[in-house]
Amino acid sequence: MIAEKHQPIIFLISAPSGAGKTTLCDMLREEFKGTLRGVVTVTTRPPRPGEMEGASYRFFSPADFELHATAGAFLEQATVHGYRYGTPRGTVTHILHRGQDVLLNVDVQGAASVRAAIHAAQPGTDLCVPLVDIFIAPPSFEVLQARLTERGQDSAEVIERRLQQAAIEMDRYREFQYLVINDDLLVAYDKLRAIVLAERARIRK
């Protein structure tokens, strides 16, 4: 009889701002609670309405962020729209040591950094694990613009900067293993969870 042994996987999800990746990540964590854990990102930007310290993000001052970055505490870090973001390396390795999958919600810059770190990991080290990266895209640039405007969180100037950055990020979707178009949220989620289930069943050699 074949004994099923699960090797922890890092699932990395990236998307331009407004494409819906945070909502989709929340849905994944809820369904796969106990076997797939997210990592709370550290940021220097101020909290938005409804965001809570330690749940939505960990909010650091620029000085504190720089201290952690210098100490090598981040698996990846990036500057986005003038603010710094980082993924705590210790949290990622802790989840992996528990035999659970890791869910990372990062931008395209961060995705490239994580990819490089995983590919450089030596056999037997903490980060020598499979990486599955997925790009979430809106159905069109016009839909993305409408979503950013309708959520009412940013000024027109900020929205314009986000759209300019989104155009750059959407051109890089080919760097990822999977592409999911978020036209209908439930349909997009079905595709996303199918990727998770298929990758967990993959025979890795």
C-alpha atoms as a PDB file:
ATOM      1  CA  MET A   1       0.000   0.000   0.000  1.00  0.00           C
ATOM      2  CA  ILE A   2       1.274   3.483  -0.885  1.00  0.00           C
ATOM      3  CA  ALA A   3       1.806   5.732   2.128  1.00  0.00           C
ATOM      4  CA  GLU A   4       0.931   9.348   1.440  1.00  0.00           C
ATOM      5  CA  LYS A   5       3.513  11.775   2.783  1.00  0.00           C
ATOM      6  CA  HIS A   6       3.006  15.464   2.181  1.00  0.00           C
ATOM      7  CA  GLN A   7       6.008  17.691   1.604  1.00  0.00           C
ATOM      8  CA  PRO A   8       5.302  21.283   2.607  1.00  0.00           C
ATOM      9  CA  ILE A   9       4.846  23.670  -0.313  1.00  0.00           C
ATOM     10  CA  ILE A  10       5.121  27.436  -0.593  1.00  0.00           C
ATOM     11  CA  PHE A  11       2.155  28.788  -2.567  1.00  0.00           C
ATOM     12  CA  LEU A  12       2.952  32.296  -3.770  1.00  0.00           C
ATOM     13  CA  ILE A  13       0.182  34.502  -5.111  1.00  0.00           C
ATOM     14  CA  SER A  14       0.855  37.800  -6.817  1.00  0.00           C
ATOM     15  CA  ALA A  15      -1.269  40.348  -8.661  1.00  0.00           C
ATOM     16  CA  PRO A  16      -1.536  44.042  -9.412  1.00  0.00           C
ATOM     17  CA  SER A  17      -3.323  46.122  -6.792  1.00  0.00           C
ATOM     18  CA  GLY A  18      -7.099  45.695  -7.133  1.00  0.00           C
ATOM     19  CA  ALA A  19      -7.032  42.307  -8.857  1.00  0.00           C
ATOM     20  CA  GLY A  20      -8.510  40.551  -5.816  1.00  0.00           C
ATOM     21  CA  LYS A  21      -5.573  38.495  -4.555  1.00  0.00           C
ATOM     22  CA  THR A  22      -6.131  39.337  -0.873  1.00  0.00           C
ATOM     23  CA  THR A  23      -9.767  38.206  -1.023  1.00  0.00           C
ATOM     24  CA  LEU A  24      -8.765  34.989  -2.791  1.00  0.00           C
ATOM     25  CA  CYS A  25      -5.993  34.343  -0.251  1.00  0.00           C
ATOM     26  CA  ASP A  26      -8.489  34.819   2.597  1.00  0.00           C
ATOM     27  CA  MET A  27     -10.786  32.251   0.974  1.00  0.00           C
ATOM     28  CA  LEU A  28      -7.941  29.741   0.637  1.00  0.00           C
ATOM     29  CA  ARG A  29      -6.904  30.137   4.274  1.00  0.00           C
ATOM     30  CA  GLU A  30     -10.485  29.654   5.422  1.00  0.00           C
ATOM     31  CA  GLU A  31     -11.033  26.453   3.418  1.00  0.00           C
ATOM     32  CA  PHE A  32      -7.639  24.912   4.117  1.00  0.00           C
ATOM     33  CA  LYS A  33      -7.451  26.045   7.725  1.00  0.00           C
ATOM     34  CA  GLY A  34      -4.891  23.982   9.637  1.00  0.00           C
ATOM     35  CA  THR A  35      -2.911  22.851   6.587  1.00  0.00           C
ATOM     36  CA  LEU A  36      -2.250  26.144   4.759  1.00  0.00           C
ATOM     37  CA  ARG A  37      -1.064  29.154   6.720  1.00  0.00           C
ATOM     38  CA  GLY A  38      -0.578  32.710   5.594  1.00  0.00           C
ATOM     39  CA  VAL A  39       2.281  34.965   6.622  1.00  0.00           C
ATOM     40  CA  VAL A  40       1.553  38.445   7.964  1.00  0.00           C
ATOM     41  CA  THR A  41       3.529  40.956   5.912  1.00  0.00           C
ATOM     42  CA  VAL A  42       5.509  43.750   7.545  1.00  0.00           C
ATOM     43  CA  THR A  43       4.967  47.220   6.079  1.00  0.00           C
ATOM     44  CA  THR A  44       5.879  50.836   6.707  1.00  0.00           C
ATOM     45  CA  ARG A  45       2.610  52.198   5.334  1.00  0.00           C
ATOM     46  CA  PRO A  46      -0.058  53.427   7.777  1.00  0.00           C
ATOM     47  CA  PRO A  47      -3.048  51.159   8.518  1.00  0.00           C
ATOM     48  CA  ARG A  48      -6.131  51.528   6.357  1.00  0.00           C
ATOM     49  CA  PRO A  49      -9.586  51.630   7.972  1.00  0.00           C
ATOM     50  CA  GLY A  50     -10.410  48.204   9.420  1.00  0.00           C
ATOM     51  CA  GLU A  51      -6.842  46.880   9.350  1.00  0.00           C
ATOM     52  CA  MET A  52      -5.474  45.473  12.594  1.00  0.00           C
ATOM     53  CA  GLU A  53      -1.895  45.104  13.784  1.00  0.00           C
ATOM     54  CA  GLY A  54      -0.733  41.502  13.552  1.00  0.00           C
ATOM     55  CA  ALA A  55      -3.772  40.380  11.555  1.00  0.00           C
ATOM     56  CA  SER A  56      -3.814  42.443   8.366  1.00  0.00           C
ATOM     57  CA  TYR A  57      -0.172  43.538   8.539  1.00  0.00           C
ATOM     58  CA  ARG A  58       2.575  44.242  11.035  1.00  0.00           C
ATOM     59  CA  PHE A  59       3.097  47.988  10.927  1.00  0.00           C
ATOM     60  CA  PHE A  60       6.729  49.061  11.411  1.00  0.00           C
ATOM     61  CA  SER A  61       8.346  52.466  11.404  1.00  0.00           C
ATOM     62  CA  PRO A  62      10.854  52.967   8.575  1.00  0.00           C
ATOM     63  CA  ALA A  63      13.691  52.766  11.116  1.00  0.00           C
ATOM     64  CA  ASP A  64      12.465  49.465  12.598  1.00  0.00           C
ATOM     65  CA  PHE A  65      11.967  48.019   9.138  1.00  0.00           C
ATOM     66  CA  GLU A  66      15.523  48.940   8.153  1.00  0.00           C
ATOM     67  CA  LEU A  67      16.912  47.287  11.313  1.00  0.00           C
ATOM     68  CA  HIS A  68      15.114  44.030  10.486  1.00  0.00           C
ATOM     69  CA  ALA A  69      16.131  44.216   6.832  1.00  0.00           C
ATOM     70  CA  THR A  70      19.791  44.742   7.738  1.00  0.00           C
ATOM     71  CA  ALA A  71      19.620  41.739  10.070  1.00  0.00           C
ATOM     72  CA  GLY A  72      18.357  39.536   7.211  1.00  0.00           C
ATOM     73  CA  ALA A  73      14.959  38.992   8.828  1.00  0.00           C
ATOM     74  CA  PHE A  74      13.012  39.133   5.554  1.00  0.00           C
ATOM     75  CA  LEU A  75      12.676  36.400   2.959  1.00  0.00           C
ATOM     76  CA  GLU A  76      11.820  39.157   0.486  1.00  0.00           C
ATOM     77  CA  GLN A  77      11.352  42.894   0.644  1.00  0.00           C
ATOM     78  CA  ALA A  78      10.190  45.509  -1.807  1.00  0.00           C
ATOM     79  CA  THR A  79       9.231  49.161  -2.017  1.00  0.00           C
ATOM     80  CA  VAL A  80       5.767  49.678  -3.456  1.00  0.00           C
ATOM     81  CA  HIS A  81       4.098  53.079  -3.907  1.00  0.00           C
ATOM     82  CA  GLY A  82       6.670  54.623  -1.569  1.00  0.00           C
ATOM     83  CA  TYR A  83       6.230  52.136   1.284  1.00  0.00           C
ATOM     84  CA  ARG A  84       8.376  49.136   2.218  1.00  0.00           C
ATOM     85  CA  TYR A  85       7.010  45.604   2.540  1.00  0.00           C
ATOM     86  CA  GLY A  86       8.713  42.446   3.764  1.00  0.00           C
ATOM     87  CA  THR A  87       7.953  38.776   4.431  1.00  0.00           C
ATOM     88  CA  PRO A  88       9.402  37.524   7.758  1.00  0.00           C
ATOM     89  CA  ARG A  89      11.743  34.613   7.027  1.00  0.00           C
ATOM     90  CA  GLY A  90      11.339  33.138  10.521  1.00  0.00           C
ATOM     91  CA  THR A  91       7.571  32.835  10.166  1.00  0.00           C
ATOM     92  CA  VAL A  92       7.910  31.017   6.841  1.00  0.00           C
ATOM     93  CA  THR A  93      10.419  28.477   8.157  1.00  0.00           C
ATOM     94  CA  HIS A  94       8.369  27.932  11.340  1.00  0.00           C
ATOM     95  CA  ILE A  95       5.293  26.992   9.297  1.00  0.00           C
ATOM     96  CA  LEU A  96       7.324  24.677   7.070  1.00  0.00           C
ATOM     97  CA  HIS A  97       8.866  22.940  10.100  1.00  0.00           C
ATOM     98  CA  ARG A  98       5.342  22.171  11.313  1.00  0.00           C
ATOM     99  CA  GLY A  99       4.649  20.343   8.060  1.00  0.00           C
ATOM    100  CA  GLN A 100       2.154  22.945   6.850  1.00  0.00           C
ATOM    101  CA  ASP A 101       1.988  24.709   3.490  1.00  0.00           C
ATOM    102  CA  VAL A 102       2.821  28.418   3.348  1.00  0.00           C
ATOM    103  CA  LEU A 103       0.655  30.973   1.541  1.00  0.00           C
ATOM    104  CA  LEU A 104       2.474  34.155   0.486  1.00  0.00           C
ATOM    105  CA  ASN A 105       0.638  37.223  -0.796  1.00  0.00           C
ATOM    106  CA  VAL A 106       3.326  39.378  -2.399  1.00  0.00           C
ATOM    107  CA  ASP A 107       3.811  41.766  -5.296  1.00  0.00           C
ATOM    108  CA  VAL A 108       5.708  40.892  -8.492  1.00  0.00           C
ATOM    109  CA  GLN A 109       8.990  42.271  -7.108  1.00  0.00           C
ATOM    110  CA  GLY A 110       8.631  40.153  -4.004  1.00  0.00           C
ATOM    111  CA  ALA A 111       7.749  37.098  -6.055  1.00  0.00           C
ATOM    112  CA  ALA A 112      11.025  37.383  -7.957  1.00  0.00           C
ATOM    113  CA  SER A 113      12.963  37.627  -4.685  1.00  0.00           C
ATOM    114  CA  VAL A 114      11.232  34.583  -3.187  1.00  0.00           C
ATOM    115  CA  ARG A 115      11.847  32.631  -6.387  1.00  0.00           C
ATOM    116  CA  ALA A 116      15.545  33.449  -6.230  1.00  0.00           C
ATOM    117  CA  ALA A 117      15.791  32.472  -2.550  1.00  0.00           C
ATOM    118  CA  ILE A 118      14.066  29.114  -3.084  1.00  0.00           C
ATOM    119  CA  HIS A 119      16.136  28.281  -6.167  1.00  0.00           C
ATOM    120  CA  ALA A 120      19.343  29.129  -4.276  1.00  0.00           C
ATOM    121  CA  ALA A 121      18.447  27.001  -1.231  1.00  0.00           C
ATOM    122  CA  GLN A 122      20.776  24.077  -0.649  1.00  0.00           C
ATOM    123  CA  PRO A 123      19.354  20.542  -0.192  1.00  0.00           C
ATOM    124  CA  GLY A 124      18.398  19.894   3.406  1.00  0.00           C
ATOM    125  CA  THR A 125      18.079  23.582   4.329  1.00  0.00           C
ATOM    126  CA  ASP A 126      14.936  25.328   5.570  1.00  0.00           C
ATOM    127  CA  LEU A 127      13.873  26.751   2.211  1.00  0.00           C
ATOM    128  CA  CYS A 128      14.595  23.718   0.057  1.00  0.00           C
ATOM    129  CA  VAL A 129      10.884  23.138  -0.635  1.00  0.00           C
ATOM    130  CA  PRO A 130       8.621  23.250  -3.711  1.00  0.00           C
ATOM    131  CA  LEU A 131       7.452  26.693  -4.786  1.00  0.00           C
ATOM    132  CA  VAL A 132       4.197  27.156  -6.713  1.00  0.00           C
ATOM    133  CA  ASP A 133       3.676  30.703  -7.977  1.00  0.00           C
ATOM    134  CA  ILE A 134       0.344  31.961  -9.301  1.00  0.00           C
ATOM    135  CA  PHE A 135      -0.498  35.279 -10.952  1.00  0.00           C
ATOM    136  CA  ILE A 136      -3.986  36.724 -10.473  1.00  0.00           C
ATOM    137  CA  ALA A 137      -5.056  39.104 -13.253  1.00  0.00           C
ATOM    138  CA  PRO A 138      -8.162  41.219 -13.835  1.00  0.00           C
ATOM    139  CA  PRO A 139     -10.143  40.525 -17.022  1.00  0.00           C
ATOM    140  CA  SER A 140      -9.095  43.896 -18.420  1.00  0.00           C
ATOM    141  CA  PHE A 141      -7.252  47.075 -17.507  1.00  0.00           C
ATOM    142  CA  GLU A 142     -10.573  48.956 -17.539  1.00  0.00           C
ATOM    143  CA  VAL A 143     -12.067  46.589 -14.957  1.00  0.00           C
ATOM    144  CA  LEU A 144      -9.013  47.072 -12.738  1.00  0.00           C
ATOM    145  CA  GLN A 145      -9.380  50.844 -12.937  1.00  0.00           C
ATOM    146  CA  ALA A 146     -13.065  50.592 -12.000  1.00  0.00           C
ATOM    147  CA  ARG A 147     -12.292  48.344  -9.002  1.00  0.00           C
ATOM    148  CA  LEU A 148      -9.619  50.693  -7.667  1.00  0.00           C
ATOM    149  CA  THR A 149     -11.969  53.651  -8.028  1.00  0.00           C
ATOM    150  CA  GLU A 150     -15.001  51.937  -6.518  1.00  0.00           C
ATOM    151  CA  ARG A 151     -13.261  50.738  -3.364  1.00  0.00           C
ATOM    152  CA  GLY A 152     -12.748  54.392  -2.400  1.00  0.00           C
ATOM    153  CA  GLN A 153      -9.524  53.931  -0.449  1.00  0.00           C
ATOM    154  CA  ASP A 154      -7.164  56.081  -2.505  1.00  0.00           C
ATOM    155  CA  SER A 155      -6.981  59.515  -4.078  1.00  0.00           C
ATOM    156  CA  ALA A 156      -7.066  59.949  -7.846  1.00  0.00           C
ATOM    157  CA  GLU A 157      -3.301  60.527  -7.809  1.00  0.00           C
ATOM    158  CA  VAL A 158      -2.652  57.280  -5.920  1.00  0.00           C
ATOM    159  CA  ILE A 159      -4.999  55.347  -8.208  1.00  0.00           C
ATOM    160  CA  GLU A 160      -3.105  56.648 -11.230  1.00  0.00           C
ATOM    161  CA  ARG A 161       0.202  55.483  -9.717  1.00  0.00           C
ATOM    162  CA  ARG A 162      -1.306  52.082  -8.972  1.00  0.00           C
ATOM    163  CA  LEU A 163      -2.538  51.767 -12.557  1.00  0.00           C
ATOM    164  CA  GLN A 164       0.884  52.653 -13.934  1.00  0.00           C
ATOM    165  CA  GLN A 165       2.473  50.024 -11.699  1.00  0.00           C
ATOM    166  CA  ALA A 166      -0.234  47.491 -12.619  1.00  0.00           C
ATOM    167  CA  ALA A 167       0.590  47.857 -16.308  1.00  0.00           C
ATOM    168  CA  ILE A 168       4.226  46.962 -15.563  1.00  0.00           C
ATOM    169  CA  GLU A 169       3.289  44.018 -13.330  1.00  0.00           C
ATOM    170  CA  MET A 170       0.756  42.547 -15.754  1.00  0.00           C
ATOM    171  CA  ASP A 171       3.455  42.371 -18.426  1.00  0.00           C
ATOM    172  CA  ARG A 172       5.384  39.977 -16.148  1.00  0.00           C
ATOM    173  CA  TYR A 173       2.727  37.284 -15.762  1.00  0.00           C
ATOM    174  CA  ARG A 174       4.797  34.843 -17.836  1.00  0.00           C
ATOM    175  CA  GLU A 175       7.284  34.616 -14.946  1.00  0.00           C
ATOM    176  CA  PHE A 176       4.677  32.577 -13.052  1.00  0.00           C
ATOM    177  CA  GLN A 177       3.679  28.913 -13.351  1.00  0.00           C
ATOM    178  CA  TYR A 178      -0.060  29.606 -13.297  1.00  0.00           C
ATOM    179  CA  LEU A 179      -2.370  32.401 -14.438  1.00  0.00           C
ATOM    180  CA  VAL A 180      -5.869  32.877 -12.992  1.00  0.00           C
ATOM    181  CA  ILE A 181      -8.157  35.547 -14.455  1.00  0.00           C
ATOM    182  CA  ASN A 182     -10.373  37.039 -11.762  1.00  0.00           C
ATOM    183  CA  ASP A 183     -13.463  37.966 -13.766  1.00  0.00           C
ATOM    184  CA  ASP A 184     -15.898  36.126 -11.486  1.00  0.00           C
ATOM    185  CA  LEU A 185     -14.625  35.677  -7.901  1.00  0.00           C
ATOM    186  CA  LEU A 186     -16.102  32.217  -7.320  1.00  0.00           C
ATOM    187  CA  VAL A 187     -14.892  30.896 -10.666  1.00  0.00           C
ATOM    188  CA  ALA A 188     -11.419  32.300  -9.999  1.00  0.00           C
ATOM    189  CA  TYR A 189     -11.413  30.693  -6.557  1.00  0.00           C
ATOM    190  CA  ASP A 190     -12.389  27.303  -7.996  1.00  0.00           C
ATOM    191  CA  LYS A 191      -9.370  27.485 -10.300  1.00  0.00           C
ATOM    192  CA  LEU A 192      -7.096  28.568  -7.467  1.00  0.00           C
ATOM    193  CA  ARG A 193      -8.147  25.778  -5.100  1.00  0.00           C
ATOM    194  CA  ALA A 194      -7.800  23.280  -7.968  1.00  0.00           C
ATOM    195  CA  ILE A 195      -4.167  24.339  -8.321  1.00  0.00           C
ATOM    196  CA  VAL A 196      -3.576  23.802  -4.598  1.00  0.00           C
ATOM    197  CA  LEU A 197      -5.160  20.332  -4.660  1.00  0.00           C
ATOM    198  CA  ALA A 198      -3.299  19.287  -7.819  1.00  0.00           C
ATOM    199  CA  GLU A 199       0.072  20.467  -6.506  1.00  0.00           C
ATOM    200  CA  ARG A 200      -0.473  18.614  -3.236  1.00  0.00           C
ATOM    201  CA  ALA A 201      -1.112  15.431  -5.224  1.00  0.00           C
ATOM    202  CA  ARG A 202       1.900  15.899  -7.528  1.00  0.00           C
ATOM    203  CA  ILE A 203       4.616  13.229  -7.408  1.00  0.00           C
ATOM    204  CA  ARG A 204       7.803  15.235  -7.012  1.00  0.00           C
ATOM    205  CA  LYS A 205      11.059  13.722  -8.203  1.00  0.00           C
END
